C-alpha atoms as a PDB file:
ATOM      1  CA  MET A   1     -41.649  21.766  -5.739  1.00  0.00           C
ATOM      2  CA  SER A   2     -43.209  23.878  -3.071  1.00  0.00           C
ATOM      3  CA  LYS A   3     -46.756  23.304  -2.179  1.00  0.00           C
ATOM      4  CA  LEU A   4     -47.393  27.021  -2.535  1.00  0.00           C
ATOM      5  CA  LEU A   5     -46.328  26.994  -6.182  1.00  0.00           C
ATOM      6  CA  ILE A   6     -48.407  23.930  -6.803  1.00  0.00           C
ATOM      7  CA  ALA A   7     -51.335  25.602  -5.190  1.00  0.00           C
ATOM      8  CA  LEU A   8     -50.825  28.634  -7.403  1.00  0.00           C
ATOM      9  CA  LEU A   9     -50.745  26.454 -10.496  1.00  0.00           C
ATOM     10  CA  LEU A  10     -53.911  24.570  -9.549  1.00  0.00           C
ATOM     11  CA  PHE A  11     -55.777  27.662  -8.305  1.00  0.00           C
ATOM     12  CA  SER A  12     -54.917  29.568 -11.544  1.00  0.00           C
ATOM     13  CA  PHE A  13     -56.853  27.047 -13.501  1.00  0.00           C
ATOM     14  CA  GLY A  14     -59.153  25.536 -10.910  1.00  0.00           C
ATOM     15  CA  ALA A  15     -58.384  22.104  -9.668  1.00  0.00           C
ATOM     16  CA  ASP A  16     -61.655  20.535 -10.730  1.00  0.00           C
ATOM     17  CA  ALA A  17     -59.783  18.534 -13.438  1.00  0.00           C
ATOM     18  CA  ILE A  18     -62.070  15.517 -13.714  1.00  0.00           C
ATOM     19  CA  ALA A  19     -64.491  15.812 -10.839  1.00  0.00           C
ATOM     20  CA  GLN A  20     -66.076  12.419 -10.010  1.00  0.00           C
ATOM     21  CA  SER A  21     -69.063  11.708  -7.896  1.00  0.00           C
ATOM     22  CA  LEU A  22     -68.613   8.223  -6.508  1.00  0.00           C
ATOM     23  CA  ASP A  23     -71.028   5.587  -5.353  1.00  0.00           C
ATOM     24  CA  LEU A  24     -69.014   4.215  -2.475  1.00  0.00           C
ATOM     25  CA  ASP A  25     -71.506   1.357  -1.842  1.00  0.00           C
ATOM     26  CA  ALA A  26     -70.764   0.064  -5.368  1.00  0.00           C
ATOM     27  CA  LEU A  27     -67.133   0.708  -4.896  1.00  0.00           C
ATOM     28  CA  ALA A  28     -67.066  -1.403  -1.672  1.00  0.00           C
ATOM     29  CA  LYS A  29     -68.417  -4.361  -3.665  1.00  0.00           C
ATOM     30  CA  GLN A  30     -65.602  -4.314  -6.213  1.00  0.00           C
ATOM     31  CA  PRO A  31     -63.045  -7.164  -6.096  1.00  0.00           C
ATOM     32  CA  GLY A  32     -60.128  -6.338  -3.857  1.00  0.00           C
ATOM     33  CA  ALA A  33     -61.861  -3.576  -2.046  1.00  0.00           C
ATOM     34  CA  THR A  34     -61.568  -3.497   1.765  1.00  0.00           C
ATOM     35  CA  VAL A  35     -64.028  -1.539   3.901  1.00  0.00           C
ATOM     36  CA  THR A  36     -63.495  -0.134   7.370  1.00  0.00           C
ATOM     37  CA  LYS A  37     -66.144   1.607   9.459  1.00  0.00           C
ATOM     38  CA  ARG A  38     -65.565   3.548  12.629  1.00  0.00           C
ATOM     39  CA  SER A  39     -67.066   6.368  14.732  1.00  0.00           C
ATOM     40  CA  GLU A  40     -65.235   9.595  15.451  1.00  0.00           C
ATOM     41  CA  GLY A  41     -66.699  12.523  17.313  1.00  0.00           C
ATOM     42  CA  GLY A  42     -70.218  11.305  16.629  1.00  0.00           C
ATOM     43  CA  SER A  43     -69.639  10.837  12.867  1.00  0.00           C
ATOM     44  CA  GLU A  44     -69.520   7.560  11.082  1.00  0.00           C
ATOM     45  CA  ILE A  45     -66.358   7.221   8.904  1.00  0.00           C
ATOM     46  CA  VAL A  46     -66.238   4.724   6.134  1.00  0.00           C
ATOM     47  CA  GLU A  47     -62.938   3.969   4.440  1.00  0.00           C
ATOM     48  CA  ILE A  48     -62.733   1.904   1.287  1.00  0.00           C
ATOM     49  CA  ARG A  49     -59.261   0.886   0.045  1.00  0.00           C
ATOM     50  CA  LEU A  50     -58.980  -0.166  -3.586  1.00  0.00           C
ATOM     51  CA  GLY A  51     -55.815  -0.470  -5.729  1.00  0.00           C
ATOM     52  CA  GLY A  52     -53.618   1.697  -3.552  1.00  0.00           C
ATOM     53  CA  VAL A  53     -56.199   4.398  -3.099  1.00  0.00           C
ATOM     54  CA  THR A  54     -58.289   5.137  -0.002  1.00  0.00           C
ATOM     55  CA  PHE A  55     -61.739   6.708  -0.252  1.00  0.00           C
ATOM     56  CA  THR A  56     -63.094   8.178   2.984  1.00  0.00           C
ATOM     57  CA  ARG A  57     -66.644   9.251   3.620  1.00  0.00           C
ATOM     58  CA  LYS A  58     -67.331  11.400   6.662  1.00  0.00           C
ATOM     59  CA  ASP A  59     -70.390  13.670   7.149  1.00  0.00           C
ATOM     60  CA  GLY A  60     -71.412  13.340   3.506  1.00  0.00           C
ATOM     61  CA  GLN A  61     -68.003  14.380   2.155  1.00  0.00           C
ATOM     62  CA  ILE A  62     -65.859  11.969   0.153  1.00  0.00           C
ATOM     63  CA  LEU A  63     -62.079  12.319   0.059  1.00  0.00           C
ATOM     64  CA  SER A  64     -59.729  10.202  -1.843  1.00  0.00           C
ATOM     65  CA  PHE A  65     -56.014   9.698  -1.198  1.00  0.00           C
ATOM     66  CA  ASP A  66     -53.506   7.781  -3.290  1.00  0.00           C
ATOM     67  CA  ASN A  67     -51.413   5.591  -1.024  1.00  0.00           C
ATOM     68  CA  SER A  68     -49.721   3.624  -3.854  1.00  0.00           C
ATOM     69  CA  GLY A  69     -46.394   5.465  -3.683  1.00  0.00           C
ATOM     70  CA  HIS A  70     -46.689   6.319  -7.364  1.00  0.00           C
ATOM     71  CA  GLY A  71     -48.383   9.744  -6.955  1.00  0.00           C
ATOM     72  CA  ALA A  72     -51.787  11.108  -7.455  1.00  0.00           C
ATOM     73  CA  VAL A  73     -52.496  10.830 -11.212  1.00  0.00           C
ATOM     74  CA  LEU A  74     -54.987  13.706 -11.461  1.00  0.00           C
ATOM     75  CA  CYS A  75     -52.572  16.047  -9.615  1.00  0.00           C
ATOM     76  CA  THR A  76     -49.781  14.983 -12.024  1.00  0.00           C
ATOM     77  CA  TRP A  77     -52.170  15.578 -14.987  1.00  0.00           C
ATOM     78  CA  GLU A  78     -53.065  19.067 -13.776  1.00  0.00           C
ATOM     79  CA  ILE A  79     -49.376  20.138 -13.226  1.00  0.00           C
ATOM     80  CA  ILE A  80     -48.265  18.780 -16.586  1.00  0.00           C
ATOM     81  CA  VAL A  81     -51.182  20.353 -18.435  1.00  0.00           C
ATOM     82  CA  GLY A  82     -50.347  23.599 -16.629  1.00  0.00           C
ATOM     83  CA  MET A  83     -46.681  23.400 -17.657  1.00  0.00           C
ATOM     84  CA  LYS A  84     -47.544  22.632 -21.299  1.00  0.00           C
ATOM     85  CA  THR A  85     -50.134  25.372 -21.394  1.00  0.00           C
ATOM     86  CA  GLY A  86     -47.583  27.792 -19.971  1.00  0.00           C
ATOM     87  CA  ALA A  87     -44.984  26.786 -22.360  1.00  0.00           C
ATOM     88  CA  ASP A  88     -47.132  26.818 -25.419  1.00  0.00           C
ATOM     89  CA  VAL A  89     -49.224  29.905 -24.734  1.00  0.00           C
ATOM     90  CA  CYS A  90     -46.813  32.092 -22.851  1.00  0.00           C
ATOM     91  CA  PHE A  91     -43.645  31.134 -24.582  1.00  0.00           C
ATOM     92  CA  PRO A  92     -44.601  29.792 -28.012  1.00  0.00           C
ATOM     93  CA  GLY A  93     -41.683  28.060 -29.698  1.00  0.00           C
ATOM     94  CA  GLU A  94     -39.176  28.678 -26.894  1.00  0.00           C
ATOM     95  CA  PHE A  95     -39.403  25.206 -25.307  1.00  0.00           C
ATOM     96  CA  PRO A  96     -40.152  22.783 -28.165  1.00  0.00           C
ATOM     97  CA  GLU A  97     -38.515  19.698 -26.770  1.00  0.00           C
ATOM     98  CA  LEU A  98     -40.200  20.265 -23.320  1.00  0.00           C
ATOM     99  CA  SER A  99     -43.557  20.886 -24.946  1.00  0.00           C
ATOM    100  CA  SER A 100     -43.246  17.640 -27.005  1.00  0.00           C
ATOM    101  CA  LEU A 101     -42.321  15.600 -23.915  1.00  0.00           C
ATOM    102  CA  LEU A 102     -45.223  17.072 -21.911  1.00  0.00           C
ATOM    103  CA  GLY A 103     -47.564  16.346 -24.748  1.00  0.00           C
ATOM    104  CA  GLU A 104     -46.484  12.662 -24.787  1.00  0.00           C
ATOM    105  CA  GLU A 105     -46.995  12.407 -21.131  1.00  0.00           C
ATOM    106  CA  ILE A 106     -50.486  14.048 -21.252  1.00  0.00           C
ATOM    107  CA  GLU A 107     -51.497  11.404 -23.918  1.00  0.00           C
ATOM    108  CA  ALA A 108     -50.159   8.599 -21.613  1.00  0.00           C
ATOM    109  CA  LEU A 109     -51.977  10.096 -18.531  1.00  0.00           C
ATOM    110  CA  ASN A 110     -55.158  10.551 -20.518  1.00  0.00           C
ATOM    111  CA  ALA A 111     -55.103   6.799 -21.492  1.00  0.00           C
ATOM    112  CA  PHE A 112     -54.473   5.931 -17.797  1.00  0.00           C
ATOM    113  CA  ILE A 113     -57.319   8.123 -16.576  1.00  0.00           C
ATOM    114  CA  ILE A 114     -59.764   6.720 -19.156  1.00  0.00           C
ATOM    115  CA  ALA A 115     -58.803   3.157 -18.357  1.00  0.00           C
ATOM    116  CA  ASN A 116     -58.819   3.504 -14.594  1.00  0.00           C
ATOM    117  CA  SER A 117     -61.525   6.001 -13.685  1.00  0.00           C
ATOM    118  CA  LEU A 118     -64.278   4.713 -11.506  1.00  0.00           C
ATOM    119  CA  ILE A 119     -66.791   6.902 -13.320  1.00  0.00           C
ATOM    120  CA  PRO A 120     -66.414   6.999 -17.122  1.00  0.00           C
ATOM    121  CA  VAL A 121     -64.155   9.767 -18.495  1.00  0.00           C
ATOM    122  CA  THR A 122     -63.697  10.133 -22.189  1.00  0.00           C
ATOM    123  CA  MET A 123     -61.032  11.689 -24.306  1.00  0.00           C
ATOM    124  CA  THR A 124     -63.543  14.331 -25.237  1.00  0.00           C
ATOM    125  CA  ASN A 125     -63.866  15.216 -21.450  1.00  0.00           C
ATOM    126  CA  LEU A 126     -60.056  15.436 -20.997  1.00  0.00           C
ATOM    127  CA  GLN A 127     -59.578  17.388 -24.221  1.00  0.00           C
ATOM    128  CA  ALA A 128     -62.297  19.876 -23.235  1.00  0.00           C
ATOM    129  CA  ARG A 129     -60.519  20.437 -19.868  1.00  0.00           C
ATOM    130  CA  PHE A 130     -57.205  20.904 -21.614  1.00  0.00           C
ATOM    131  CA  ASP A 131     -58.799  23.323 -24.161  1.00  0.00           C
ATOM    132  CA  GLU A 132     -60.317  25.297 -21.304  1.00  0.00           C
ATOM    133  CA  ARG A 133     -56.985  25.607 -19.567  1.00  0.00           C
ATOM    134  CA  MET A 134     -55.423  26.870 -22.893  1.00  0.00           C
ATOM    135  CA  ARG A 135     -58.131  29.529 -23.228  1.00  0.00           C
ATOM    136  CA  ARG A 136     -57.632  30.775 -19.702  1.00  0.00           C
ATOM    137  CA  VAL A 137     -53.896  31.672 -20.124  1.00  0.00           C
ATOM    138  CA  HIS A 138     -52.858  34.951 -21.611  1.00  0.00           C
ATOM    139  CA  PRO A 139     -49.258  35.752 -22.644  1.00  0.00           C
ATOM    140  CA  GLY A 140     -47.545  38.370 -20.503  1.00  0.00           C
ATOM    141  CA  GLY A 141     -49.628  37.746 -17.365  1.00  0.00           C
ATOM    142  CA  SER A 142     -48.392  36.934 -13.900  1.00  0.00           C
ATOM    143  CA  TYR A 143     -49.236  33.272 -14.413  1.00  0.00           C
ATOM    144  CA  CYS A 144     -46.731  33.071 -17.192  1.00  0.00           C
ATOM    145  CA  ASP A 145     -43.972  34.532 -15.141  1.00  0.00           C
ATOM    146  CA  SER A 146     -44.809  32.209 -12.144  1.00  0.00           C
ATOM    147  CA  VAL A 147     -45.088  29.031 -14.210  1.00  0.00           C
ATOM    148  CA  ARG A 148     -41.889  29.851 -16.131  1.00  0.00           C
ATOM    149  CA  GLN A 149     -39.820  30.265 -12.907  1.00  0.00           C
ATOM    150  CA  ALA A 150     -41.386  27.521 -10.808  1.00  0.00           C
ATOM    151  CA  PHE A 151     -41.889  24.811 -13.451  1.00  0.00           C
ATOM    152  CA  ILE A 152     -40.854  25.431 -17.069  1.00  0.00           C
ATOM    153  CA  VAL A 153     -37.279  26.522 -16.593  1.00  0.00           C
ATOM    154  CA  PRO A 154     -36.370  23.943 -13.902  1.00  0.00           C
ATOM    155  CA  PHE A 155     -37.953  21.121 -15.856  1.00  0.00           C
ATOM    156  CA  ASN A 156     -36.371  22.343 -19.142  1.00  0.00           C
ATOM    157  CA  ASN A 157     -32.886  22.300 -17.391  1.00  0.00           C
ATOM    158  CA  GLN A 158     -33.566  18.840 -16.182  1.00  0.00           C
ATOM    159  CA  LEU A 159     -34.416  17.806 -19.724  1.00  0.00           C
ATOM    160  CA  ARG A 160     -31.232  19.200 -20.998  1.00  0.00           C
ATOM    161  CA  SER A 161     -29.159  17.297 -18.319  1.00  0.00           C
ATOM    162  CA  THR A 162     -31.129  14.017 -18.490  1.00  0.00           C
ATOM    163  CA  SER A 163     -31.928  11.761 -21.373  1.00  0.00           C
ATOM    164  CA  HIS A 164     -35.430  11.874 -22.830  1.00  0.00           C
ATOM    165  CA  ALA A 165     -35.599   8.142 -22.079  1.00  0.00           C
ATOM    166  CA  GLU A 166     -34.809   8.697 -18.387  1.00  0.00           C
ATOM    167  CA  LEU A 167     -37.453  11.363 -18.014  1.00  0.00           C
ATOM    168  CA  LYS A 168     -39.982   9.112 -19.699  1.00  0.00           C
ATOM    169  CA  ARG A 169     -39.022   6.327 -17.276  1.00  0.00           C
ATOM    170  CA  GLN A 170     -39.579   8.707 -14.379  1.00  0.00           C
ATOM    171  CA  PHE A 171     -42.955   9.715 -15.818  1.00  0.00           C
ATOM    172  CA  ASP A 172     -43.914   6.010 -16.374  1.00  0.00           C
ATOM    173  CA  GLN A 173     -43.578   5.430 -12.572  1.00  0.00           C
ATOM    174  CA  THR A 174     -46.746   7.478 -12.062  1.00  0.00           C
ATOM    175  CA  ARG A 175     -48.641   5.030 -14.179  1.00  0.00           C
ATOM    176  CA  ALA A 176     -46.742   1.906 -13.102  1.00  0.00           C
ATOM    177  CA  VAL A 177     -49.719   0.567 -10.986  1.00  0.00           C
ATOM    178  CA  SER A 178     -53.311   0.452 -12.147  1.00  0.00           C
ATOM    179  CA  ARG A 179     -55.548   2.329  -9.623  1.00  0.00           C
ATOM    180  CA  PRO A 180     -58.250   4.936  -9.605  1.00  0.00           C
ATOM    181  CA  PRO A 181     -56.849   8.332 -10.499  1.00  0.00           C
ATOM    182  CA  VAL A 182     -57.248  10.858  -7.739  1.00  0.00           C
ATOM    183  CA  MET A 183     -56.113  14.404  -6.973  1.00  0.00           C
ATOM    184  CA  ASP A 184     -54.493  13.851  -3.441  1.00  0.00           C
ATOM    185  CA  PRO A 185     -51.825  13.996  -2.262  1.00  0.00           C
ATOM    186  CA  CYS A 186     -50.881  16.675  -4.678  1.00  0.00           C
ATOM    187  CA  LEU A 187     -47.079  16.425  -4.539  1.00  0.00           C
END
């Protein structure tokens, strides 16, 4: 997927999926966390690695990056929610098998996010975000055309040529390692 199309998908809905304000000092004290401090251009940089994710604080900003090799869970959640929203709102009934598979994956990602978030996230939080996304999409708009061409049709074609079980196995790789869910790198 091109980064431009992913950016369009995320921008269309706002990529603030499950914004989390982290207490890095508390994070640094968790079992398995490693802390590195260094100076760069007059700024102190603190990096905390935990479960395949690196949290970096520089000049008051906190960035997080999934180094696990399994993908950034929040990015995956945003894209899958965007595809399901597009399929269900823009093209109701046209992609039932795809919609069902995406719904299953959203449920699995929700469980992962709730179990692994460093700041409590509830099913109510995730459902509210999903519902907001559904309300923002209007059939016939440019978003519908873009998401259809960039995501829905290619993924639906893959679903036709690959078994449901194989696609589930590929999805499961995102959740194969417990780690804090973060947004970057977004594919």
